[in-house]
Amino acid sequence: QLQFVESGGGLVQPGGSLRLSCAASGGIFRIHTMGWYRQAPGKQRELVATMTIWSSTNYADSVKGRFTISRDNAKNTVYLQMDSLKPEDTALYYCHAKLSIYDDGYWGQGTQVTVSS
């Protein structure tokens, strides 16, 4: 069972930046994939970005060119640098981690990002 410490959410004006971080713990040897998903009110949870242990990335089309995912494998930590934020980026952002390609993974508790003037 993984535990997560998420941080970095908050209120920012359109065009601004935020950096999310998520540190996983729980006797982990290796995490295959770490990433971020988000859920806006009244909408389904959606992928934002993921990164494998070999640094292969996957981004939602809506964030390409604006968000950058990175991770520190030694610290089991994943980051999401969010630039040029838009009001439609407002959502609860969840950290997600998979120990292998076969499991469903584990979820963090979520951190709120609000983009508003």
C-alpha atoms as a PDB file:
ATOM      1  CA  GLN A   1       0.000   0.000   0.000  1.00  0.00           C
ATOM      2  CA  LEU A   2       1.387   3.359  -1.076  1.00  0.00           C
ATOM      3  CA  GLN A   3       1.010   6.632   0.754  1.00  0.00           C
ATOM      4  CA  PHE A   4       1.301   9.994  -0.966  1.00  0.00           C
ATOM      5  CA  VAL A   5       2.148  13.519   0.093  1.00  0.00           C
ATOM      6  CA  GLU A   6       0.869  15.973  -2.497  1.00  0.00           C
ATOM      7  CA  SER A   7       1.580  19.682  -2.500  1.00  0.00           C
ATOM      8  CA  GLY A   8       1.689  22.759  -4.704  1.00  0.00           C
ATOM      9  CA  GLY A   9      -1.930  23.442  -5.488  1.00  0.00           C
ATOM     10  CA  GLY A  10      -3.568  26.819  -5.009  1.00  0.00           C
ATOM     11  CA  LEU A  11      -5.167  29.828  -6.622  1.00  0.00           C
ATOM     12  CA  VAL A  12      -3.462  31.449  -9.601  1.00  0.00           C
ATOM     13  CA  GLN A  13      -4.433  33.998 -12.221  1.00  0.00           C
ATOM     14  CA  PRO A  14      -4.808  33.004 -15.880  1.00  0.00           C
ATOM     15  CA  GLY A  15      -1.412  32.852 -17.536  1.00  0.00           C
ATOM     16  CA  GLY A  16       0.283  32.023 -14.249  1.00  0.00           C
ATOM     17  CA  SER A  17       2.236  28.966 -13.149  1.00  0.00           C
ATOM     18  CA  LEU A  18       2.110  26.333 -10.442  1.00  0.00           C
ATOM     19  CA  ARG A  19       4.256  23.330  -9.633  1.00  0.00           C
ATOM     20  CA  LEU A  20       2.698  20.226  -8.118  1.00  0.00           C
ATOM     21  CA  SER A  21       4.698  17.564  -6.347  1.00  0.00           C
ATOM     22  CA  CYS A  22       3.795  14.102  -5.099  1.00  0.00           C
ATOM     23  CA  ALA A  23       6.056  11.951  -2.942  1.00  0.00           C
ATOM     24  CA  ALA A  24       5.196   8.257  -2.589  1.00  0.00           C
ATOM     25  CA  SER A  25       6.218   6.005   0.277  1.00  0.00           C
ATOM     26  CA  GLY A  26       5.436   2.547   1.603  1.00  0.00           C
ATOM     27  CA  GLY A  27       8.372   0.218   1.283  1.00  0.00           C
ATOM     28  CA  ILE A  28       8.626   0.710  -2.446  1.00  0.00           C
ATOM     29  CA  PHE A  29      11.404  -0.808  -4.491  1.00  0.00           C
ATOM     30  CA  ARG A  30      10.386   0.647  -7.820  1.00  0.00           C
ATOM     31  CA  ILE A  31       7.393   2.516  -9.271  1.00  0.00           C
ATOM     32  CA  HIS A  32       6.745   1.791 -12.935  1.00  0.00           C
ATOM     33  CA  THR A  33       4.553   4.781 -13.787  1.00  0.00           C
ATOM     34  CA  MET A  34       3.762   7.986 -11.929  1.00  0.00           C
ATOM     35  CA  GLY A  35       1.465  10.694 -13.118  1.00  0.00           C
ATOM     36  CA  TRP A  36      -1.323  13.175 -12.641  1.00  0.00           C
ATOM     37  CA  TYR A  37      -5.017  13.083 -13.359  1.00  0.00           C
ATOM     38  CA  ARG A  38      -7.612  15.770 -12.744  1.00  0.00           C
ATOM     39  CA  GLN A  39     -11.327  16.042 -12.142  1.00  0.00           C
ATOM     40  CA  ALA A  40     -13.348  19.203 -12.580  1.00  0.00           C
ATOM     41  CA  PRO A  41     -16.810  19.594 -11.010  1.00  0.00           C
ATOM     42  CA  GLY A  42     -19.393  17.641 -12.960  1.00  0.00           C
ATOM     43  CA  LYS A  43     -16.795  15.976 -15.173  1.00  0.00           C
ATOM     44  CA  GLN A  44     -15.032  12.632 -15.265  1.00  0.00           C
ATOM     45  CA  ARG A  45     -11.503  12.192 -14.042  1.00  0.00           C
ATOM     46  CA  GLU A  46      -9.068  12.585 -16.934  1.00  0.00           C
ATOM     47  CA  LEU A  47      -5.403  11.972 -17.613  1.00  0.00           C
ATOM     48  CA  VAL A  48      -3.108  14.983 -17.463  1.00  0.00           C
ATOM     49  CA  ALA A  49       0.360  13.462 -17.810  1.00  0.00           C
ATOM     50  CA  THR A  50       2.272  10.305 -16.942  1.00  0.00           C
ATOM     51  CA  MET A  51       5.904   9.264 -16.953  1.00  0.00           C
ATOM     52  CA  THR A  52       7.404   5.782 -16.782  1.00  0.00           C
ATOM     53  CA  ILE A  53      10.537   4.851 -14.905  1.00  0.00           C
ATOM     54  CA  TRP A  54      12.352   5.010 -18.251  1.00  0.00           C
ATOM     55  CA  SER A  55      11.153   8.609 -18.759  1.00  0.00           C
ATOM     56  CA  SER A  56       8.579   7.861 -21.432  1.00  0.00           C
ATOM     57  CA  THR A  57       5.840  10.491 -21.179  1.00  0.00           C
ATOM     58  CA  ASN A  58       2.208  10.817 -22.152  1.00  0.00           C
ATOM     59  CA  TYR A  59       0.286  14.096 -22.110  1.00  0.00           C
ATOM     60  CA  ALA A  60      -3.314  15.072 -22.654  1.00  0.00           C
ATOM     61  CA  ASP A  61      -3.643  17.143 -25.821  1.00  0.00           C
ATOM     62  CA  SER A  62      -5.126  20.002 -23.818  1.00  0.00           C
ATOM     63  CA  VAL A  63      -1.909  20.476 -21.791  1.00  0.00           C
ATOM     64  CA  LYS A  64       0.782  19.743 -24.379  1.00  0.00           C
ATOM     65  CA  GLY A  65       3.265  22.598 -24.617  1.00  0.00           C
ATOM     66  CA  ARG A  66       2.097  24.091 -21.305  1.00  0.00           C
ATOM     67  CA  PHE A  67       2.646  21.361 -18.694  1.00  0.00           C
ATOM     68  CA  THR A  68       5.821  19.395 -18.046  1.00  0.00           C
ATOM     69  CA  ILE A  69       6.023  16.212 -16.010  1.00  0.00           C
ATOM     70  CA  SER A  70       9.223  15.035 -14.342  1.00  0.00           C
ATOM     71  CA  ARG A  71      10.183  12.581 -11.657  1.00  0.00           C
ATOM     72  CA  ASP A  72      12.960  11.757  -9.227  1.00  0.00           C
ATOM     73  CA  ASN A  73      13.112   7.971  -9.068  1.00  0.00           C
ATOM     74  CA  ALA A  74      15.444   7.968  -6.072  1.00  0.00           C
ATOM     75  CA  LYS A  75      12.848   9.935  -4.088  1.00  0.00           C
ATOM     76  CA  ASN A  76       9.762   8.281  -5.642  1.00  0.00           C
ATOM     77  CA  THR A  77       8.516  11.771  -6.391  1.00  0.00           C
ATOM     78  CA  VAL A  78       6.717  13.124  -9.430  1.00  0.00           C
ATOM     79  CA  TYR A  79       6.342  16.780 -10.369  1.00  0.00           C
ATOM     80  CA  LEU A  80       4.029  18.685 -12.678  1.00  0.00           C
ATOM     81  CA  GLN A  81       5.134  22.113 -13.842  1.00  0.00           C
ATOM     82  CA  MET A  82       2.065  23.948 -15.099  1.00  0.00           C
ATOM     83  CA  ASP A  83       2.592  27.116 -17.132  1.00  0.00           C
ATOM     84  CA  SER A  84       0.215  29.361 -19.076  1.00  0.00           C
ATOM     85  CA  LEU A  85      -2.635  28.188 -16.899  1.00  0.00           C
ATOM     86  CA  LYS A  86      -6.192  28.651 -18.125  1.00  0.00           C
ATOM     87  CA  PRO A  87      -9.491  28.764 -16.236  1.00  0.00           C
ATOM     88  CA  GLU A  88     -10.368  25.395 -17.781  1.00  0.00           C
ATOM     89  CA  ASP A  89      -7.397  23.878 -15.940  1.00  0.00           C
ATOM     90  CA  THR A  90      -9.304  24.375 -12.685  1.00  0.00           C
ATOM     91  CA  ALA A  91      -9.760  20.965 -11.084  1.00  0.00           C
ATOM     92  CA  LEU A  92      -8.770  18.637  -8.297  1.00  0.00           C
ATOM     93  CA  TYR A  93      -5.448  17.125  -9.346  1.00  0.00           C
ATOM     94  CA  TYR A  94      -4.693  13.574  -8.269  1.00  0.00           C
ATOM     95  CA  CYS A  95      -1.339  11.843  -8.112  1.00  0.00           C
ATOM     96  CA  HIS A  96      -1.338   8.259  -9.403  1.00  0.00           C
ATOM     97  CA  ALA A  97       1.291   5.534  -9.247  1.00  0.00           C
ATOM     98  CA  LYS A  98       1.543   2.026 -10.677  1.00  0.00           C
ATOM     99  CA  LEU A  99       4.079  -0.475  -9.439  1.00  0.00           C
ATOM    100  CA  SER A 100       3.812  -2.454 -12.655  1.00  0.00           C
ATOM    101  CA  ILE A 101       1.975  -2.262 -15.961  1.00  0.00           C
ATOM    102  CA  TYR A 102      -0.434  -4.919 -14.683  1.00  0.00           C
ATOM    103  CA  ASP A 103      -1.914  -3.249 -11.595  1.00  0.00           C
ATOM    104  CA  ASP A 104      -4.558  -0.550 -11.377  1.00  0.00           C
ATOM    105  CA  GLY A 105      -2.351   1.682  -9.280  1.00  0.00           C
ATOM    106  CA  TYR A 106      -2.835   3.891  -6.247  1.00  0.00           C
ATOM    107  CA  TRP A 107      -4.343   7.363  -5.866  1.00  0.00           C
ATOM    108  CA  GLY A 108      -3.346  10.369  -3.823  1.00  0.00           C
ATOM    109  CA  GLN A 109      -5.900  12.451  -1.965  1.00  0.00           C
ATOM    110  CA  GLY A 110      -5.849  15.284  -4.491  1.00  0.00           C
ATOM    111  CA  THR A 111      -4.735  18.895  -4.487  1.00  0.00           C
ATOM    112  CA  GLN A 112      -6.940  21.749  -5.706  1.00  0.00           C
ATOM    113  CA  VAL A 113      -5.849  23.997  -8.556  1.00  0.00           C
ATOM    114  CA  THR A 114      -7.981  27.056  -9.239  1.00  0.00           C
ATOM    115  CA  VAL A 115      -7.257  29.403 -12.139  1.00  0.00           C
ATOM    116  CA  SER A 116      -9.237  32.596 -11.822  1.00  0.00           C
ATOM    117  CA  SER A 117      -8.827  36.340 -12.035  1.00  0.00           C
END
